[in-house]
C-alpha atoms as a PDB file:
ATOM      1  CA  UNK A   1     104.809-184.786 -58.725  1.00  0.00           C
ATOM      2  CA  UNK A   2     106.414-182.700 -61.462  1.00  0.00           C
ATOM      3  CA  UNK A   3     103.120-182.203 -63.300  1.00  0.00           C
ATOM      4  CA  UNK A   4     101.451-180.977 -60.113  1.00  0.00           C
ATOM      5  CA  UNK A   5     104.291-178.505 -59.759  1.00  0.00           C
ATOM      6  CA  UNK A   6     103.719-177.209 -63.284  1.00  0.00           C
ATOM      7  CA  UNK A   7      99.937-177.044 -62.829  1.00  0.00           C
ATOM      8  CA  UNK A   8     100.309-175.051 -59.625  1.00  0.00           C
ATOM      9  CA  UNK A   9     101.930-172.140 -61.464  1.00  0.00           C
ATOM     10  CA  UNK A  10      99.541-169.287 -62.164  1.00  0.00           C
ATOM     11  CA  UNK A  11     100.305-166.386 -64.445  1.00  0.00           C
ATOM     12  CA  UNK A  12      99.369-163.306 -62.408  1.00  0.00           C
ATOM     13  CA  UNK A  13     101.132-160.831 -64.669  1.00  0.00           C
ATOM     14  CA  UNK A  14      99.473-158.437 -67.037  1.00  0.00           C
ATOM     15  CA  UNK A  15     100.792-156.639 -70.058  1.00  0.00           C
ATOM     16  CA  UNK A  16     101.617-152.970 -69.752  1.00  0.00           C
ATOM     17  CA  UNK A  17     100.979-150.291 -72.364  1.00  0.00           C
ATOM     18  CA  UNK A  18     104.726-149.900 -72.720  1.00  0.00           C
ATOM     19  CA  UNK A  19     105.136-153.596 -73.515  1.00  0.00           C
ATOM     20  CA  UNK A  20     102.335-153.450 -76.087  1.00  0.00           C
ATOM     21  CA  UNK A  21     103.762-150.279 -77.650  1.00  0.00           C
ATOM     22  CA  UNK A  22     107.226-151.838 -77.845  1.00  0.00           C
ATOM     23  CA  UNK A  23     105.745-154.901 -79.527  1.00  0.00           C
ATOM     24  CA  UNK A  24     103.899-152.749 -82.050  1.00  0.00           C
ATOM     25  CA  UNK A  25     107.134-150.907 -82.849  1.00  0.00           C
ATOM     26  CA  UNK A  26     108.759-154.203 -83.873  1.00  0.00           C
ATOM     27  CA  UNK A  27     106.053-154.934 -86.451  1.00  0.00           C
ATOM     28  CA  UNK A  28     106.149-153.686 -90.047  1.00  0.00           C
ATOM     29  CA  UNK A  29     104.144-150.586 -91.014  1.00  0.00           C
ATOM     30  CA  UNK A  30     101.260-152.818 -92.141  1.00  0.00           C
ATOM     31  CA  UNK A  31     100.218-155.894 -90.182  1.00  0.00           C
ATOM     32  CA  UNK A  32      97.159-157.962 -89.424  1.00  0.00           C
ATOM     33  CA  UNK A  33      95.485-158.159 -86.056  1.00  0.00           C
ATOM     34  CA  UNK A  34      96.442-161.849 -86.013  1.00  0.00           C
ATOM     35  CA  UNK A  35     100.127-160.929 -86.362  1.00  0.00           C
ATOM     36  CA  UNK A  36      99.831-158.463 -83.480  1.00  0.00           C
ATOM     37  CA  UNK A  37      98.068-160.993 -81.262  1.00  0.00           C
ATOM     38  CA  UNK A  38     100.665-163.637 -82.144  1.00  0.00           C
ATOM     39  CA  UNK A  39     103.476-161.291 -81.121  1.00  0.00           C
ATOM     40  CA  UNK A  40     101.736-160.288 -77.887  1.00  0.00           C
ATOM     41  CA  UNK A  41     101.141-163.927 -76.939  1.00  0.00           C
ATOM     42  CA  UNK A  42     104.760-164.766 -77.721  1.00  0.00           C
ATOM     43  CA  UNK A  43     105.966-161.842 -75.596  1.00  0.00           C
ATOM     44  CA  UNK A  44     103.718-162.906 -72.714  1.00  0.00           C
ATOM     45  CA  UNK A  45     104.919-166.525 -72.861  1.00  0.00           C
ATOM     46  CA  UNK A  46     108.583-165.499 -72.914  1.00  0.00           C
ATOM     47  CA  UNK A  47     107.997-163.227 -69.911  1.00  0.00           C
ATOM     48  CA  UNK A  48     106.117-166.004 -68.117  1.00  0.00           C
ATOM     49  CA  UNK A  49     108.996-168.426 -68.716  1.00  0.00           C
ATOM     50  CA  UNK A  50     111.514-165.886 -67.496  1.00  0.00           C
ATOM     51  CA  UNK A  51     109.533-165.299 -64.304  1.00  0.00           C
ATOM     52  CA  UNK A  52     109.233-169.040 -63.709  1.00  0.00           C
ATOM     53  CA  UNK A  53     112.973-169.416 -64.180  1.00  0.00           C
ATOM     54  CA  UNK A  54     113.731-166.564 -61.801  1.00  0.00           C
ATOM     55  CA  UNK A  55     111.424-168.144 -59.196  1.00  0.00           C
ATOM     56  CA  UNK A  56     113.225-171.471 -59.529  1.00  0.00           C
ATOM     57  CA  UNK A  57     110.207-173.125 -61.141  1.00  0.00           C
ATOM     58  CA  UNK A  58     112.212-175.154 -63.612  1.00  0.00           C
ATOM     59  CA  UNK A  59     112.472-178.812 -64.541  1.00  0.00           C
ATOM     60  CA  UNK A  60     115.862-180.405 -65.090  1.00  0.00           C
ATOM     61  CA  UNK A  61     116.705-182.170 -68.338  1.00  0.00           C
ATOM     62  CA  UNK A  62     116.939-185.428 -66.424  1.00  0.00           C
ATOM     63  CA  UNK A  63     113.387-185.036 -65.066  1.00  0.00           C
ATOM     64  CA  UNK A  64     112.066-184.223 -68.537  1.00  0.00           C
ATOM     65  CA  UNK A  65     113.743-187.330 -69.929  1.00  0.00           C
ATOM     66  CA  UNK A  66     112.060-189.402 -67.195  1.00  0.00           C
ATOM     67  CA  UNK A  67     108.692-187.844 -68.036  1.00  0.00           C
ATOM     68  CA  UNK A  68     109.134-188.632 -71.740  1.00  0.00           C
ATOM     69  CA  UNK A  69     110.146-192.199 -70.922  1.00  0.00           C
ATOM     70  CA  UNK A  70     106.933-192.646 -68.897  1.00  0.00           C
ATOM     71  CA  UNK A  71     104.764-191.137 -71.634  1.00  0.00           C
ATOM     72  CA  UNK A  72     106.293-193.252 -74.379  1.00  0.00           C
ATOM     73  CA  UNK A  73     105.474-196.553 -72.666  1.00  0.00           C
END
């Protein structure tokens, strides 16, 4: 039930130029493309989590504990 709920979430958001520019501004003067991609992915995942939270798509600690109990058996 809970896993179906998680799987049903789709990320329909896209990055904006402003978001990318703001991310670049946080990096040092010299950086690798891997560092930039890592930061952009992190930013996207944080935004995705925030949107899920705002939409009420969250899992309680109790439900997570139940999931872990099932997986560990």
